[in-house]
Amino acid sequence: MEPIAEAEAHPGSSMGRAILIIDDDELLLELATEFLSDAGYRVFAATTGEAALEIFSKNSEEIGLVVTDMGLPGIGGGEVVKRIREISPSTKCIAMSGFGGEDMLRQVKRVDFDTFIPKPFDRELLLKAVGAVVPPPK
């Protein structure tokens, strides 16, 4: 498998709103991108918060949902979402993390994420969470 480039876009098969997915785990990022692309979403992928902010600034009108790992190196997922919401307050955001517990839930609530996905996740859980936040592509 080839690693996903930081700013690589994966076109889906329909006109649904785009999703920006951010995770420094390239295998998980690749799988999540594949799950969403196969479901018909247009997907942008980033391995860092900095790359995600650059992608979002160039595509903010197209991206309706951001799915981010909370534990990114450098600019973390919570800070990425705060900055994205400064640009586009209506953008939906989903947090994901392999670490749960009360501290993580407080952080997710403080940043006002739309929902939380525990890692690791499977295709069904990801698509269910995404579908609950944004309409599925037609």
Protein backbone atom coordinates (compact mmCIF):
# COMPACT_ATOMS: atom_id res chain seq x y z
CA MET A 1 0.00 0.00 0.00
CA GLU A 2 1.21 3.47 -0.80
CA PRO A 3 1.04 6.07 1.97
CA ILE A 4 -1.43 8.88 1.44
CA ALA A 5 0.12 12.20 0.54
CA GLU A 6 -0.73 15.02 2.91
CA ALA A 7 -2.87 16.94 0.44
CA GLU A 8 -4.17 14.11 -1.71
CA ALA A 9 -7.85 14.29 -2.66
CA HIS A 10 -9.85 11.15 -3.37
CA PRO A 11 -12.89 11.88 -5.50
CA GLY A 12 -16.04 9.99 -4.62
CA SER A 13 -18.64 8.91 -7.12
CA SER A 14 -21.22 11.57 -6.35
CA MET A 15 -21.74 15.26 -5.71
CA GLY A 16 -21.89 14.91 -1.89
CA ARG A 17 -20.13 17.45 0.31
CA ALA A 18 -16.47 16.74 0.83
CA ILE A 19 -14.91 15.36 4.00
CA LEU A 20 -11.48 16.23 5.38
CA ILE A 21 -10.03 13.38 7.42
CA ILE A 22 -6.93 13.92 9.56
CA ASP A 23 -4.83 11.24 11.23
CA ASP A 24 -1.09 10.73 11.64
CA ASP A 25 -1.60 6.94 11.46
CA GLU A 26 -1.26 6.53 7.69
CA LEU A 27 -2.78 3.04 7.59
CA LEU A 28 -5.88 4.13 9.49
CA LEU A 29 -6.07 7.27 7.34
CA GLU A 30 -5.87 5.19 4.17
CA LEU A 31 -8.59 2.78 5.37
CA ALA A 32 -10.93 5.58 6.47
CA THR A 33 -10.39 7.39 3.17
CA GLU A 34 -11.20 4.19 1.28
CA PHE A 35 -14.35 3.56 3.36
CA LEU A 36 -15.64 7.09 2.75
CA SER A 37 -14.66 7.20 -0.94
CA ASP A 38 -16.34 3.84 -1.55
CA ALA A 39 -19.49 5.24 0.07
CA GLY A 40 -19.47 8.08 -2.49
CA TYR A 41 -17.96 10.93 -0.49
CA ARG A 42 -15.24 13.20 -1.88
CA VAL A 43 -12.38 12.93 0.61
CA PHE A 44 -9.35 15.06 1.40
CA ALA A 45 -6.72 13.46 3.64
CA ALA A 46 -4.05 14.99 5.85
CA THR A 47 -1.49 13.50 8.23
CA THR A 48 -0.87 16.71 10.23
CA GLY A 49 -2.92 19.56 11.62
CA GLU A 50 -0.87 22.03 9.62
CA ALA A 51 -1.57 20.23 6.33
CA ALA A 52 -5.26 19.96 7.25
CA LEU A 53 -5.53 23.71 7.81
CA GLU A 54 -3.89 24.37 4.46
CA ILE A 55 -6.27 21.96 2.69
CA PHE A 56 -9.26 23.46 4.47
CA SER A 57 -8.29 27.05 3.64
CA LYS A 58 -8.13 26.15 -0.06
CA ASN A 59 -11.35 24.06 -0.07
CA SER A 60 -13.49 25.49 2.75
CA GLU A 61 -16.58 25.96 0.57
CA GLU A 62 -16.51 22.32 -0.48
CA ILE A 63 -15.65 20.66 2.86
CA GLY A 64 -18.71 20.16 5.04
CA LEU A 65 -17.21 17.75 7.57
CA VAL A 66 -13.87 17.36 9.32
CA VAL A 67 -12.99 14.05 10.99
CA THR A 68 -9.86 14.41 13.11
CA ASP A 69 -7.73 12.41 15.46
CA MET A 70 -7.39 14.28 18.73
CA GLY A 71 -3.77 13.25 19.34
CA LEU A 72 -2.04 14.75 16.34
CA PRO A 73 1.59 15.84 16.73
CA GLY A 74 2.08 19.60 16.47
CA ILE A 75 -1.31 21.26 16.13
CA GLY A 76 -3.72 18.84 17.83
CA GLY A 77 -7.20 17.93 16.63
CA GLY A 78 -8.99 20.27 19.05
CA GLU A 79 -6.95 23.27 17.93
CA VAL A 80 -7.43 22.35 14.26
CA VAL A 81 -11.19 22.37 14.73
CA LYS A 82 -11.12 25.70 16.60
CA ARG A 83 -9.23 27.28 13.69
CA ILE A 84 -11.50 25.67 11.09
CA ARG A 85 -14.57 26.99 12.87
CA GLU A 86 -13.06 30.49 12.80
CA ILE A 87 -13.08 30.19 9.01
CA SER A 88 -16.40 28.34 8.72
CA PRO A 89 -18.51 28.11 11.90
CA SER A 90 -21.06 25.78 10.26
CA THR A 91 -18.52 23.05 9.41
CA LYS A 92 -19.41 19.80 11.16
CA CYS A 93 -16.63 18.07 13.10
CA ILE A 94 -16.10 14.55 14.41
CA ALA A 95 -13.37 13.70 16.94
CA MET A 96 -11.68 10.33 17.04
CA SER A 97 -9.21 8.91 19.51
CA GLY A 98 -7.82 5.67 20.81
CA PHE A 99 -7.92 7.16 24.30
CA GLY A 100 -11.30 7.49 25.96
CA GLY A 101 -12.27 8.37 29.45
CA GLU A 102 -13.63 11.47 31.10
CA ASP A 103 -10.72 13.73 30.12
CA MET A 104 -11.21 12.99 26.43
CA LEU A 105 -14.97 13.48 26.63
CA ARG A 106 -14.49 16.84 28.38
CA GLN A 107 -12.09 17.95 25.65
CA VAL A 108 -14.52 16.84 22.91
CA LYS A 109 -17.36 18.76 24.61
CA ARG A 110 -15.18 21.84 25.22
CA VAL A 111 -14.33 22.10 21.52
CA ASP A 112 -17.98 21.37 20.65
CA PHE A 113 -17.45 18.44 18.30
CA ASP A 114 -20.62 17.03 16.75
CA THR A 115 -19.74 13.48 17.81
CA PHE A 116 -16.90 11.19 18.89
CA ILE A 117 -15.63 7.91 17.37
CA PRO A 118 -13.41 5.62 19.46
CA LYS A 119 -10.42 4.10 17.66
CA PRO A 120 -9.98 1.57 16.30
CA PHE A 121 -13.25 1.66 14.38
CA ASP A 122 -14.71 -0.36 11.55
CA ARG A 123 -16.35 0.73 8.30
CA GLU A 124 -19.90 0.56 9.68
CA LEU A 125 -19.15 2.72 12.73
CA LEU A 126 -17.39 5.37 10.64
CA LEU A 127 -20.16 5.53 8.03
CA LYS A 128 -22.85 5.62 10.73
CA ALA A 129 -21.15 8.50 12.55
CA VAL A 130 -20.55 10.44 9.33
CA GLY A 131 -24.10 9.80 8.09
CA ALA A 132 -25.54 11.10 11.34
CA VAL A 133 -23.71 14.43 10.87
CA VAL A 134 -23.88 15.04 7.12
CA PRO A 135 -26.28 13.66 4.52
CA PRO A 136 -24.96 10.69 2.58
CA PRO A 137 -24.03 11.32 -1.05
CA LYS A 138 -26.68 10.63 -3.66
